[in-house]
Structures are given as structure tokens and as C-alpha cells.
């Protein structure tokens, strides 16, 4: 890939990591009055890690079994708009959102609770 090809990819990744970070900060901030700083940041981190893990696992499954799914879809004559590239992109988005979410929860934990 050339440098020109990486710029849109980098912006896309940064956008989804930022979305995840906003979700992580908002969730932790909403939970602080209810359960306290430590539990709020721990919960936000756990949910972010869950989203990240789901994204990685399903992205890997799409890469590994995407050809089989496409063959089954062709064989059955399905009318769905599912594509391998679309599925990979969707689960990559979940992965990057989970990264931002978890990172924001860690940052808030350090800021609110300390090391």
C-alpha cells in the first residue's frame, strides 16, 4: 500500500476509536454517581473489552469462513446483501470501537482512581 492509500484507512480507524472512546467515557461518567469511580471504570473497561473481543473473534471467523458463507448463499440462491468485505468491515469497526472504549476506560480509571 502506498502512503496515499493509508490515509483514508487511518482516518477511518481514528474515527471509530474516537467513537469508542466517547462511549467509554460517557458510560463511566454515567456510572460514577451510581456505583463509584472504581466500579464504574471497571465496568466500562469490561464492556469495552467484550466489544473488542467480539469484534476480533467475528472478524476472524468472517475471514476464515467467508468463502464458505458466500458459497452457501450462492447455492441457496439467497437474496441477502451479505458480502465478505462488508462483514469484515463491520466487525473491524466493532474491534476499533472496543479498542477506544477500553482505552478510555483505562484513562478514566487512572484519572479518577489513580495507579
PDB file of N, CA and C in Angstrom:
ATOM      1  N   UNK A   1       0.834  -1.171   0.000  1.00  0.00           N
ATOM      2  CA  UNK A   1       0.000   0.000   0.000  1.00  0.00           C
ATOM      3  C   UNK A   1       0.883   1.240   0.000  1.00  0.00           C
ATOM      4  N   UNK A   2       0.454   2.201  -0.688  1.00  0.00           N
ATOM      5  CA  UNK A   2       1.205   3.449  -0.696  1.00  0.00           C
ATOM      6  C   UNK A   2       0.733   4.336   0.443  1.00  0.00           C
ATOM      7  N   UNK A   3       1.462   5.404   0.669  1.00  0.00           N
ATOM      8  CA  UNK A   3       1.094   6.322   1.734  1.00  0.00           C
ATOM      9  C   UNK A   3      -0.274   6.940   1.477  1.00  0.00           C
ATOM     10  N   UNK A   4      -0.556   7.179   0.220  1.00  0.00           N
ATOM     11  CA  UNK A   4      -1.847   7.761  -0.145  1.00  0.00           C
ATOM     12  C   UNK A   4      -2.994   6.810   0.185  1.00  0.00           C
ATOM     13  N   UNK A   5      -2.753   5.509   0.039  1.00  0.00           N
ATOM     14  CA  UNK A   5      -3.789   4.522   0.334  1.00  0.00           C
ATOM     15  C   UNK A   5      -4.069   4.414   1.835  1.00  0.00           C
ATOM     16  N   UNK A   6      -3.109   4.705   2.678  1.00  0.00           N
ATOM     17  CA  UNK A   6      -3.269   4.532   4.113  1.00  0.00           C
ATOM     18  C   UNK A   6      -4.015   5.681   4.787  1.00  0.00           C
ATOM     19  N   UNK A   7      -4.038   6.844   4.179  1.00  0.00           N
ATOM     20  CA  UNK A   7      -4.664   7.996   4.826  1.00  0.00           C
ATOM     21  C   UNK A   7      -6.147   7.796   5.107  1.00  0.00           C
ATOM     22  N   UNK A   8      -6.947   7.384   4.138  1.00  0.00           N
ATOM     23  CA  UNK A   8      -8.371   7.167   4.459  1.00  0.00           C
ATOM     24  C   UNK A   8      -8.557   6.076   5.509  1.00  0.00           C
ATOM     25  N   UNK A   9      -7.723   5.035   5.466  1.00  0.00           N
ATOM     26  CA  UNK A   9      -7.805   3.967   6.454  1.00  0.00           C
ATOM     27  C   UNK A   9      -7.500   4.503   7.847  1.00  0.00           C
ATOM     28  N   UNK A  10      -6.469   5.321   7.957  1.00  0.00           N
ATOM     29  CA  UNK A  10      -6.102   5.900   9.245  1.00  0.00           C
ATOM     30  C   UNK A  10      -7.183   6.799   9.802  1.00  0.00           C
ATOM     31  N   UNK A  11      -7.807   7.581   8.937  1.00  0.00           N
ATOM     32  CA  UNK A  11      -8.900   8.447   9.381  1.00  0.00           C
ATOM     33  C   UNK A  11     -10.100   7.623   9.841  1.00  0.00           C
ATOM     34  N   UNK A  12     -10.377   6.564   9.131  1.00  0.00           N
ATOM     35  CA  UNK A  12     -11.495   5.699   9.496  1.00  0.00           C
ATOM     36  C   UNK A  12     -11.247   5.042  10.849  1.00  0.00           C
ATOM     37  N   UNK A  13     -10.039   4.520  11.035  1.00  0.00           N
ATOM     38  CA  UNK A  13      -9.695   3.893  12.315  1.00  0.00           C
ATOM     39  C   UNK A  13      -9.780   4.918  13.433  1.00  0.00           C
ATOM     40  N   UNK A  14      -9.219   6.094  13.220  1.00  0.00           N
ATOM     41  CA  UNK A  14      -9.249   7.138  14.250  1.00  0.00           C
ATOM     42  C   UNK A  14     -10.680   7.529  14.594  1.00  0.00           C
ATOM     43  N   UNK A  15     -11.536   7.594  13.586  1.00  0.00           N
ATOM     44  CA  UNK A  15     -12.938   7.948  13.839  1.00  0.00           C
ATOM     45  C   UNK A  15     -13.609   6.903  14.721  1.00  0.00           C
ATOM     46  N   UNK A  16     -13.425   5.622  14.412  1.00  0.00           N
ATOM     47  CA  UNK A  16     -14.095   4.576  15.189  1.00  0.00           C
ATOM     48  C   UNK A  16     -13.482   4.416  16.578  1.00  0.00           C
ATOM     49  N   UNK A  17     -12.178   4.608  16.704  1.00  0.00           N
ATOM     50  CA  UNK A  17     -11.566   4.592  18.037  1.00  0.00           C
ATOM     51  C   UNK A  17     -12.106   5.760  18.860  1.00  0.00           C
ATOM     52  N   UNK A  18     -12.273   6.917  18.228  1.00  0.00           N
ATOM     53  CA  UNK A  18     -12.847   8.072  18.918  1.00  0.00           C
ATOM     54  C   UNK A  18     -14.275   7.836  19.355  1.00  0.00           C
ATOM     55  N   UNK A  19     -15.066   7.206  18.509  1.00  0.00           N
ATOM     56  CA  UNK A  19     -16.453   6.871  18.882  1.00  0.00           C
ATOM     57  C   UNK A  19     -16.448   5.946  20.095  1.00  0.00           C
ATOM     58  N   UNK A  20     -15.586   4.955  20.062  1.00  0.00           N
ATOM     59  CA  UNK A  20     -15.489   4.040  21.202  1.00  0.00           C
ATOM     60  C   UNK A  20     -15.046   4.753  22.465  1.00  0.00           C
ATOM     61  N   UNK A  21     -14.101   5.680  22.325  1.00  0.00           N
ATOM     62  CA  UNK A  21     -13.640   6.432  23.485  1.00  0.00           C
ATOM     63  C   UNK A  21     -14.765   7.280  24.072  1.00  0.00           C
ATOM     64  N   UNK A  22     -15.547   7.895  23.222  1.00  0.00           N
ATOM     65  CA  UNK A  22     -16.680   8.684  23.708  1.00  0.00           C
ATOM     66  C   UNK A  22     -17.698   7.806  24.443  1.00  0.00           C
ATOM     67  N   UNK A  23     -17.962   6.639  23.907  1.00  0.00           N
ATOM     68  CA  UNK A  23     -18.897   5.724  24.560  1.00  0.00           C
ATOM     69  C   UNK A  23     -18.341   5.286  25.917  1.00  0.00           C
ATOM     70  N   UNK A  24     -17.052   4.961  25.952  1.00  0.00           N
ATOM     71  CA  UNK A  24     -16.436   4.539  27.208  1.00  0.00           C
ATOM     72  C   UNK A  24     -16.458   5.630  28.265  1.00  0.00           C
ATOM     73  N   UNK A  25     -16.143   6.851  27.874  1.00  0.00           N
ATOM     74  CA  UNK A  25     -16.169   7.974  28.820  1.00  0.00           C
ATOM     75  C   UNK A  25     -17.597   8.247  29.289  1.00  0.00           C
ATOM     76  N   UNK A  26     -18.540   8.240  28.368  1.00  0.00           N
ATOM     77  CA  UNK A  26     -19.933   8.509  28.734  1.00  0.00           C
ATOM     78  C   UNK A  26     -20.473   7.438  29.685  1.00  0.00           C
ATOM     79  N   UNK A  27     -20.169   6.183  29.392  1.00  0.00           N
ATOM     80  CA  UNK A  27     -20.650   5.108  30.255  1.00  0.00           C
ATOM     81  C   UNK A  27     -20.039   5.204  31.646  1.00  0.00           C
ATOM     82  N   UNK A  28     -18.730   5.397  31.708  1.00  0.00           N
ATOM     83  CA  UNK A  28     -18.074   5.506  33.012  1.00  0.00           C
ATOM     84  C   UNK A  28     -18.591   6.711  33.784  1.00  0.00           C
ATOM     85  N   UNK A  29     -18.764   7.840  33.098  1.00  0.00           N
ATOM     86  CA  UNK A  29     -19.268   9.042  33.767  1.00  0.00           C
ATOM     87  C   UNK A  29     -20.694   8.836  34.273  1.00  0.00           C
ATOM     88  N   UNK A  30     -21.494   8.118  33.526  1.00  0.00           N
ATOM     89  CA  UNK A  30     -22.872   7.861  33.959  1.00  0.00           C
ATOM     90  C   UNK A  30     -22.919   6.911  35.150  1.00  0.00           C
ATOM     91  N   UNK A  31     -21.957   6.004  35.240  1.00  0.00           N
ATOM     92  CA  UNK A  31     -21.960   5.027  36.329  1.00  0.00           C
ATOM     93  C   UNK A  31     -21.303   5.533  37.608  1.00  0.00           C
ATOM     94  N   UNK A  32     -20.470   6.574  37.522  1.00  0.00           N
ATOM     95  CA  UNK A  32     -19.756   7.064  38.705  1.00  0.00           C
ATOM     96  C   UNK A  32     -20.702   7.423  39.848  1.00  0.00           C
ATOM     97  N   UNK A  33     -21.766   8.189  39.625  1.00  0.00           N
ATOM     98  CA  UNK A  33     -22.646   8.514  40.760  1.00  0.00           C
ATOM     99  C   UNK A  33     -23.388   7.301  41.328  1.00  0.00           C
ATOM    100  N   UNK A  34     -23.543   6.281  40.534  1.00  0.00           N
ATOM    101  CA  UNK A  34     -24.322   5.121  40.955  1.00  0.00           C
ATOM    102  C   UNK A  34     -23.476   4.127  41.751  1.00  0.00           C
ATOM    103  N   UNK A  35     -22.295   3.788  41.220  1.00  0.00           N
ATOM    104  CA  UNK A  35     -21.503   2.708  41.830  1.00  0.00           C
ATOM    105  C   UNK A  35     -20.129   3.149  42.313  1.00  0.00           C
ATOM    106  N   UNK A  36     -19.726   4.374  42.078  1.00  0.00           N
ATOM    107  CA  UNK A  36     -18.400   4.835  42.489  1.00  0.00           C
ATOM    108  C   UNK A  36     -17.403   4.757  41.347  1.00  0.00           C
ATOM    109  N   UNK A  37     -16.276   5.405  41.547  1.00  0.00           N
ATOM    110  CA  UNK A  37     -15.270   5.537  40.484  1.00  0.00           C
ATOM    111  C   UNK A  37     -14.682   4.209  40.043  1.00  0.00           C
ATOM    112  N   UNK A  38     -14.234   3.427  40.999  1.00  0.00           N
ATOM    113  CA  UNK A  38     -13.556   2.170  40.659  1.00  0.00           C
ATOM    114  C   UNK A  38     -14.486   1.213  39.928  1.00  0.00           C
ATOM    115  N   UNK A  39     -15.663   0.994  40.443  1.00  0.00           N
ATOM    116  CA  UNK A  39     -16.611   0.064  39.811  1.00  0.00           C
ATOM    117  C   UNK A  39     -17.068   0.594  38.451  1.00  0.00           C
ATOM    118  N   UNK A  40     -17.229   1.909  38.328  1.00  0.00           N
ATOM    119  CA  UNK A  40     -17.672   2.487  37.052  1.00  0.00           C
ATOM    120  C   UNK A  40     -16.632   2.273  35.973  1.00  0.00           C
ATOM    121  N   UNK A  41     -15.369   2.547  36.291  1.00  0.00           N
ATOM    122  CA  UNK A  41     -14.325   2.371  35.276  1.00  0.00           C
ATOM    123  C   UNK A  41     -14.059   0.895  35.004  1.00  0.00           C
ATOM    124  N   UNK A  42     -14.180   0.058  36.034  1.00  0.00           N
ATOM    125  CA  UNK A  42     -14.021  -1.385  35.812  1.00  0.00           C
ATOM    126  C   UNK A  42     -15.110  -1.931  34.895  1.00  0.00           C
ATOM    127  N   UNK A  43     -16.340  -1.490  35.111  1.00  0.00           N
ATOM    128  CA  UNK A  43     -17.460  -1.934  34.274  1.00  0.00           C
ATOM    129  C   UNK A  43     -17.304  -1.432  32.845  1.00  0.00           C
ATOM    130  N   UNK A  44     -16.915  -0.169  32.702  1.00  0.00           N
ATOM    131  CA  UNK A  44     -16.716   0.378  31.348  1.00  0.00           C
ATOM    132  C   UNK A  44     -15.604  -0.372  30.623  1.00  0.00           C
ATOM    133  N   UNK A  45     -14.524  -0.693  31.329  1.00  0.00           N
ATOM    134  CA  UNK A  45     -13.438  -1.444  30.702  1.00  0.00           C
ATOM    135  C   UNK A  45     -13.901  -2.842  30.302  1.00  0.00           C
ATOM    136  N   UNK A  46     -14.623  -3.511  31.192  1.00  0.00           N
ATOM    137  CA  UNK A  46     -15.081  -4.869  30.890  1.00  0.00           C
ATOM    138  C   UNK A  46     -15.989  -4.897  29.665  1.00  0.00           C
ATOM    139  N   UNK A  47     -16.889  -3.930  29.565  1.00  0.00           N
ATOM    140  CA  UNK A  47     -17.774  -3.886  28.401  1.00  0.00           C
ATOM    141  C   UNK A  47     -17.001  -3.546  27.129  1.00  0.00           C
ATOM    142  N   UNK A  48     -16.030  -2.643  27.223  1.00  0.00           N
ATOM    143  CA  UNK A  48     -15.190  -2.327  26.068  1.00  0.00           C
ATOM    144  C   UNK A  48     -14.379  -3.526  25.618  1.00  0.00           C
ATOM    145  N   UNK A  49     -13.836  -4.266  26.579  1.00  0.00           N
ATOM    146  CA  UNK A  49     -13.076  -5.468  26.238  1.00  0.00           C
ATOM    147  C   UNK A  49     -13.979  -6.528  25.614  1.00  0.00           C
ATOM    148  N   UNK A  50     -15.228  -6.596  26.069  1.00  0.00           N
ATOM    149  CA  UNK A  50     -16.186  -7.532  25.482  1.00  0.00           C
ATOM    150  C   UNK A  50     -16.473  -7.184  24.023  1.00  0.00           C
ATOM    151  N   UNK A  51     -16.682  -5.907  23.740  1.00  0.00           N
ATOM    152  CA  UNK A  51     -16.923  -5.470  22.363  1.00  0.00           C
ATOM    153  C   UNK A  51     -15.687  -5.753  21.508  1.00  0.00           C
ATOM    154  N   UNK A  52     -14.499  -5.450  22.046  1.00  0.00           N
ATOM    155  CA  UNK A  52     -13.255  -5.715  21.322  1.00  0.00           C
ATOM    156  C   UNK A  52     -13.110  -7.210  21.023  1.00  0.00           C
ATOM    157  N   UNK A  53     -13.322  -8.038  22.017  1.00  0.00           N
ATOM    158  CA  UNK A  53     -13.189  -9.488  21.822  1.00  0.00           C
ATOM    159  C   UNK A  53     -14.189 -10.032  20.818  1.00  0.00           C
ATOM    160  N   UNK A  54     -15.411  -9.555  20.894  1.00  0.00           N
ATOM    161  CA  UNK A  54     -16.421  -9.994  19.933  1.00  0.00           C
ATOM    162  C   UNK A  54     -16.031  -9.577  18.522  1.00  0.00           C
ATOM    163  N   UNK A  55     -15.542  -8.337  18.381  1.00  0.00           N
ATOM    164  CA  UNK A  55     -15.130  -7.848  17.070  1.00  0.00           C
ATOM    165  C   UNK A  55     -13.993  -8.669  16.480  1.00  0.00           C
ATOM    166  N   UNK A  56     -12.989  -8.965  17.304  1.00  0.00           N
ATOM    167  CA  UNK A  56     -11.847  -9.742  16.819  1.00  0.00           C
ATOM    168  C   UNK A  56     -12.280 -11.156  16.447  1.00  0.00           C
ATOM    169  N   UNK A  57     -13.067 -11.792  17.314  1.00  0.00           N
ATOM    170  CA  UNK A  57     -13.477 -13.170  17.056  1.00  0.00           C
ATOM    171  C   UNK A  57     -14.344 -13.279  15.803  1.00  0.00           C
ATOM    172  N   UNK A  58     -15.292 -12.375  15.657  1.00  0.00           N
ATOM    173  CA  UNK A  58     -16.174 -12.463  14.499  1.00  0.00           C
ATOM    174  C   UNK A  58     -15.474 -12.023  13.222  1.00  0.00           C
ATOM    175  N   UNK A  59     -14.549 -11.070  13.323  1.00  0.00           N
ATOM    176  CA  UNK A  59     -13.763 -10.689  12.146  1.00  0.00           C
ATOM    177  C   UNK A  59     -12.937 -11.876  11.674  1.00  0.00           C
ATOM    178  N   UNK A  60     -12.295 -12.562  12.619  1.00  0.00           N
ATOM    179  CA  UNK A  60     -11.518 -13.747  12.262  1.00  0.00           C
ATOM    180  C   UNK A  60     -12.382 -14.832  11.651  1.00  0.00           C
ATOM    181  N   UNK A  61     -13.578 -15.018  12.191  1.00  0.00           N
ATOM    182  CA  UNK A  61     -14.494 -16.004  11.627  1.00  0.00           C
ATOM    183  C   UNK A  61     -14.936 -15.638  10.228  1.00  0.00           C
ATOM    184  N   UNK A  62     -15.138 -14.351  10.004  1.00  0.00           N
ATOM    185  CA  UNK A  62     -15.532 -13.894   8.670  1.00  0.00           C
ATOM    186  C   UNK A  62     -14.408 -14.119   7.667  1.00  0.00           C
ATOM    187  N   UNK A  63     -13.183 -13.850   8.092  1.00  0.00           N
ATOM    188  CA  UNK A  63     -12.044 -14.079   7.211  1.00  0.00           C
ATOM    189  C   UNK A  63     -11.901 -15.570   6.917  1.00  0.00           C
ATOM    190  N   UNK A  64     -12.036 -16.388   7.952  1.00  0.00           N
ATOM    191  CA  UNK A  64     -11.853 -17.829   7.784  1.00  0.00           C
ATOM    192  C   UNK A  64     -12.987 -18.530   7.060  1.00  0.00           C
ATOM    193  N   UNK A  65     -14.211 -18.138   7.347  1.00  0.00           N
ATOM    194  CA  UNK A  65     -15.363 -18.857   6.800  1.00  0.00           C
ATOM    195  C   UNK A  65     -16.167 -18.046   5.797  1.00  0.00           C
ATOM    196  N   UNK A  66     -15.662 -16.891   5.403  1.00  0.00           N
ATOM    197  CA  UNK A  66     -16.385 -16.036   4.464  1.00  0.00           C
ATOM    198  C   UNK A  66     -16.635 -16.700   3.129  1.00  0.00           C
ATOM    199  N   UNK A  67     -15.652 -17.440   2.650  1.00  0.00           N
ATOM    200  CA  UNK A  67     -15.819 -18.143   1.377  1.00  0.00           C
ATOM    201  C   UNK A  67     -16.913 -19.198   1.455  1.00  0.00           C
ATOM    202  N   UNK A  68     -16.957 -19.901   2.572  1.00  0.00           N
ATOM    203  CA  UNK A  68     -17.994 -20.915   2.759  1.00  0.00           C
ATOM    204  C   UNK A  68     -19.380 -20.285   2.832  1.00  0.00           C
ATOM    205  N   UNK A  69     -19.469 -19.173   3.541  1.00  0.00           N
ATOM    206  CA  UNK A  69     -20.759 -18.483   3.636  1.00  0.00           C
ATOM    207  C   UNK A  69     -21.224 -17.983   2.271  1.00  0.00           C
ATOM    208  N   UNK A  70     -20.287 -17.461   1.481  1.00  0.00           N
ATOM    209  CA  UNK A  70     -20.645 -16.992   0.144  1.00  0.00           C
ATOM    210  C   UNK A  70     -21.094 -18.153  -0.738  1.00  0.00           C
ATOM    211  N   UNK A  71     -20.425 -19.308  -0.606  1.00  0.00           N
ATOM    212  CA  UNK A  71     -20.807 -20.477  -1.393  1.00  0.00           C
ATOM    213  C   UNK A  71     -22.193 -20.978  -1.006  1.00  0.00           C
ATOM    214  N   UNK A  72     -22.477 -21.000   0.287  1.00  0.00           N
ATOM    215  CA  UNK A  72     -23.802 -21.425   0.748  1.00  0.00           C
ATOM    216  C   UNK A  72     -24.863 -20.456   0.240  1.00  0.00           C
ATOM    217  N   UNK A  73     -24.566 -19.182   0.308  1.00  0.00           N
ATOM    218  CA  UNK A  73     -25.517 -18.171  -0.160  1.00  0.00           C
ATOM    219  C   UNK A  73     -25.785 -18.336  -1.656  1.00  0.00           C
ATOM    220  N   UNK A  74     -24.731 -18.571  -2.432  1.00  0.00           N
ATOM    221  CA  UNK A  74     -24.913 -18.792  -3.872  1.00  0.00           C
ATOM    222  C   UNK A  74     -25.699 -20.078  -4.142  1.00  0.00           C
ATOM    223  N   UNK A  75     -25.389 -21.135  -3.399  1.00  0.00           N
ATOM    224  CA  UNK A  75     -26.051 -22.419  -3.592  1.00  0.00           C
ATOM    225  C   UNK A  75     -27.544 -22.334  -3.280  1.00  0.00           C
ATOM    226  N   UNK A  76     -27.882 -21.603  -2.216  1.00  0.00           N
ATOM    227  CA  UNK A  76     -29.281 -21.496  -1.826  1.00  0.00           C
ATOM    228  C   UNK A  76     -30.025 -20.414  -2.582  1.00  0.00           C
ATOM    229  N   UNK A  77     -29.288 -19.612  -3.343  1.00  0.00           N
ATOM    230  CA  UNK A  77     -29.929 -18.552  -4.110  1.00  0.00           C
ATOM    231  C   UNK A  77     -30.494 -17.458  -3.216  1.00  0.00           C
ATOM    232  N   UNK A  78     -29.778 -17.165  -2.155  1.00  0.00           N
ATOM    233  CA  UNK A  78     -30.255 -16.172  -1.194  1.00  0.00           C
ATOM    234  C   UNK A  78     -30.310 -14.774  -1.792  1.00  0.00           C
ATOM    235  N   UNK A  79     -31.219 -13.992  -1.290  1.00  0.00           N
ATOM    236  CA  UNK A  79     -31.406 -12.626  -1.754  1.00  0.00           C
ATOM    237  C   UNK A  79     -30.790 -11.613  -0.798  1.00  0.00           C
ATOM    238  N   UNK A  80     -29.943 -12.068   0.107  1.00  0.00           N
ATOM    239  CA  UNK A  80     -29.368 -11.151   1.085  1.00  0.00           C
ATOM    240  C   UNK A  80     -28.259 -10.327   0.447  1.00  0.00           C
ATOM    241  N   UNK A  81     -27.961  -9.219   1.066  1.00  0.00           N
ATOM    242  CA  UNK A  81     -26.888  -8.362   0.541  1.00  0.00           C
ATOM    243  C   UNK A  81     -25.598  -8.572   1.320  1.00  0.00           C
ATOM    244  N   UNK A  82     -25.459  -9.708   2.005  1.00  0.00           N
ATOM    245  CA  UNK A  82     -24.264 -10.023   2.760  1.00  0.00           C
ATOM    246  C   UNK A  82     -23.086 -10.215   1.808  1.00  0.00           C
ATOM    247  N   UNK A  83     -21.967  -9.607   2.156  1.00  0.00           N
ATOM    248  CA  UNK A  83     -20.731  -9.822   1.408  1.00  0.00           C
ATOM    249  C   UNK A  83     -19.602 -10.037   2.398  1.00  0.00           C
ATOM    250  N   UNK A  84     -18.565 -10.733   1.944  1.00  0.00           N
ATOM    251  CA  UNK A  84     -17.409 -10.950   2.815  1.00  0.00           C
ATOM    252  C   UNK A  84     -16.761  -9.641   3.204  1.00  0.00           C
ATOM    253  N   UNK A  85     -16.595  -8.750   2.248  1.00  0.00           N
ATOM    254  CA  UNK A  85     -15.931  -7.485   2.560  1.00  0.00           C
ATOM    255  C   UNK A  85     -16.774  -6.627   3.497  1.00  0.00           C
ATOM    256  N   UNK A  86     -18.079  -6.646   3.324  1.00  0.00           N
ATOM    257  CA  UNK A  86     -18.954  -5.899   4.223  1.00  0.00           C
ATOM    258  C   UNK A  86     -18.919  -6.439   5.640  1.00  0.00           C
ATOM    259  N   UNK A  87     -18.906  -7.753   5.771  1.00  0.00           N
ATOM    260  CA  UNK A  87     -18.842  -8.370   7.094  1.00  0.00           C
ATOM    261  C   UNK A  87     -17.501  -8.087   7.764  1.00  0.00           C
ATOM    262  N   UNK A  88     -16.413  -8.198   7.003  1.00  0.00           N
ATOM    263  CA  UNK A  88     -15.092  -7.890   7.572  1.00  0.00           C
ATOM    264  C   UNK A  88     -15.026  -6.450   8.038  1.00  0.00           C
ATOM    265  N   UNK A  89     -15.584  -5.548   7.253  1.00  0.00           N
ATOM    266  CA  UNK A  89     -15.571  -4.135   7.622  1.00  0.00           C
ATOM    267  C   UNK A  89     -16.419  -3.893   8.872  1.00  0.00           C
ATOM    268  N   UNK A  90     -17.571  -4.509   8.960  1.00  0.00           N
ATOM    269  CA  UNK A  90     -18.445  -4.314  10.122  1.00  0.00           C
ATOM    270  C   UNK A  90     -17.772  -4.799  11.401  1.00  0.00           C
ATOM    271  N   UNK A  91     -17.130  -5.945  11.340  1.00  0.00           N
ATOM    272  CA  UNK A  91     -16.514  -6.475  12.551  1.00  0.00           C
ATOM    273  C   UNK A  91     -15.196  -5.771  12.866  1.00  0.00           C
ATOM    274  N   UNK A  92     -14.549  -5.210  11.876  1.00  0.00           N
ATOM    275  CA  UNK A  92     -13.378  -4.373  12.140  1.00  0.00           C
ATOM    276  C   UNK A  92     -13.802  -3.102  12.866  1.00  0.00           C
ATOM    277  N   UNK A  93     -14.955  -2.564  12.501  1.00  0.00           N
ATOM    278  CA  UNK A  93     -15.481  -1.383  13.205  1.00  0.00           C
ATOM    279  C   UNK A  93     -15.725  -1.722  14.676  1.00  0.00           C
ATOM    280  N   UNK A  94     -16.343  -2.867  14.950  1.00  0.00           N
ATOM    281  CA  UNK A  94     -16.553  -3.274  16.338  1.00  0.00           C
ATOM    282  C   UNK A  94     -15.227  -3.402  17.087  1.00  0.00           C
ATOM    283  N   UNK A  95     -14.220  -3.937  16.425  1.00  0.00           N
ATOM    284  CA  UNK A  95     -12.916  -4.092  17.054  1.00  0.00           C
ATOM    285  C   UNK A  95     -12.330  -2.744  17.427  1.00  0.00           C
ATOM    286  N   UNK A  96     -12.343  -1.788  16.512  1.00  0.00           N
ATOM    287  CA  UNK A  96     -11.771  -0.471  16.790  1.00  0.00           C
ATOM    288  C   UNK A  96     -12.582   0.293  17.825  1.00  0.00           C
ATOM    289  N   UNK A  97     -13.898   0.143  17.818  1.00  0.00           N
ATOM    290  CA  UNK A  97     -14.724   0.774  18.851  1.00  0.00           C
ATOM    291  C   UNK A  97     -14.362   0.194  20.219  1.00  0.00           C
ATOM    292  N   UNK A  98     -14.170  -1.104  20.291  1.00  0.00           N
ATOM    293  CA  UNK A  98     -13.772  -1.738  21.548  1.00  0.00           C
ATOM    294  C   UNK A  98     -12.412  -1.267  22.039  1.00  0.00           C
ATOM    295  N   UNK A  99     -11.481  -1.042  21.114  1.00  0.00           N
ATOM    296  CA  UNK A  99     -10.172  -0.518  21.494  1.00  0.00           C
ATOM    297  C   UNK A  99     -10.310   0.865  22.124  1.00  0.00           C
ATOM    298  N   UNK A 100     -11.047   1.751  21.475  1.00  0.00           N
ATOM    299  CA  UNK A 100     -11.233   3.098  22.007  1.00  0.00           C
ATOM    300  C   UNK A 100     -11.966   3.095  23.331  1.00  0.00           C
ATOM    301  N   UNK A 101     -12.979   2.266  23.432  1.00  0.00           N
ATOM    302  CA  UNK A 101     -13.780   2.158  24.638  1.00  0.00           C
ATOM    303  C   UNK A 101     -12.905   1.706  25.806  1.00  0.00           C
ATOM    304  N   UNK A 102     -12.125   0.654  25.604  1.00  0.00           N
ATOM    305  CA  UNK A 102     -11.267   0.133  26.662  1.00  0.00           C
ATOM    306  C   UNK A 102     -10.185   1.132  27.045  1.00  0.00           C
ATOM    307  N   UNK A 103      -9.583   1.761  26.055  1.00  0.00           N
ATOM    308  CA  UNK A 103      -8.533   2.743  26.336  1.00  0.00           C
ATOM    309  C   UNK A 103      -9.075   3.934  27.122  1.00  0.00           C
ATOM    310  N   UNK A 104     -10.257   4.383  26.784  1.00  0.00           N
ATOM    311  CA  UNK A 104     -10.860   5.492  27.517  1.00  0.00           C
ATOM    312  C   UNK A 104     -11.186   5.080  28.949  1.00  0.00           C
ATOM    313  N   UNK A 105     -11.638   3.865  29.141  1.00  0.00           N
ATOM    314  CA  UNK A 105     -11.923   3.393  30.492  1.00  0.00           C
ATOM    315  C   UNK A 105     -10.653   3.310  31.327  1.00  0.00           C
ATOM    316  N   UNK A 106      -9.565   2.874  30.723  1.00  0.00           N
ATOM    317  CA  UNK A 106      -8.279   2.830  31.441  1.00  0.00           C
ATOM    318  C   UNK A 106      -7.830   4.238  31.797  1.00  0.00           C
ATOM    319  N   UNK A 107      -7.940   5.172  30.851  1.00  0.00           N
ATOM    320  CA  UNK A 107      -7.545   6.551  31.109  1.00  0.00           C
ATOM    321  C   UNK A 107      -8.391   7.168  32.219  1.00  0.00           C
ATOM    322  N   UNK A 108      -9.695   6.902  32.190  1.00  0.00           N
ATOM    323  CA  UNK A 108     -10.559   7.430  33.253  1.00  0.00           C
ATOM    324  C   UNK A 108     -10.249   6.775  34.588  1.00  0.00           C
ATOM    325  N   UNK A 109      -9.907   5.509  34.580  1.00  0.00           N
ATOM    326  CA  UNK A 109      -9.542   4.831  35.816  1.00  0.00           C
ATOM    327  C   UNK A 109      -8.290   5.462  36.428  1.00  0.00           C
ATOM    328  N   UNK A 110      -7.306   5.745  35.591  1.00  0.00           N
ATOM    329  CA  UNK A 110      -6.087   6.386  36.087  1.00  0.00           C
ATOM    330  C   UNK A 110      -6.401   7.792  36.601  1.00  0.00           C
ATOM    331  N   UNK A 111      -7.259   8.510  35.899  1.00  0.00           N
ATOM    332  CA  UNK A 111      -7.591   9.870  36.301  1.00  0.00           C
ATOM    333  C   UNK A 111      -8.433   9.915  37.574  1.00  0.00           C
ATOM    334  N   UNK A 112      -9.398   9.007  37.711  1.00  0.00           N
ATOM    335  CA  UNK A 112     -10.313   9.061  38.840  1.00  0.00           C
ATOM    336  C   UNK A 112      -9.854   8.271  40.049  1.00  0.00           C
ATOM    337  N   UNK A 113      -9.251   7.112  39.793  1.00  0.00           N
ATOM    338  CA  UNK A 113      -8.886   6.216  40.890  1.00  0.00           C
ATOM    339  C   UNK A 113      -7.398   6.320  41.196  1.00  0.00           C
ATOM    340  N   UNK A 114      -6.584   6.494  40.176  1.00  0.00           N
ATOM    341  CA  UNK A 114      -5.134   6.541  40.341  1.00  0.00           C
ATOM    342  C   UNK A 114      -4.510   5.205  40.011  1.00  0.00           C
ATOM    343  N   UNK A 115      -3.203   5.172  40.097  1.00  0.00           N
ATOM    344  CA  UNK A 115      -2.490   3.930  39.802  1.00  0.00           C
ATOM    345  C   UNK A 115      -2.560   3.063  40.996  1.00  0.00           C
TER     346      UNK A 115
END
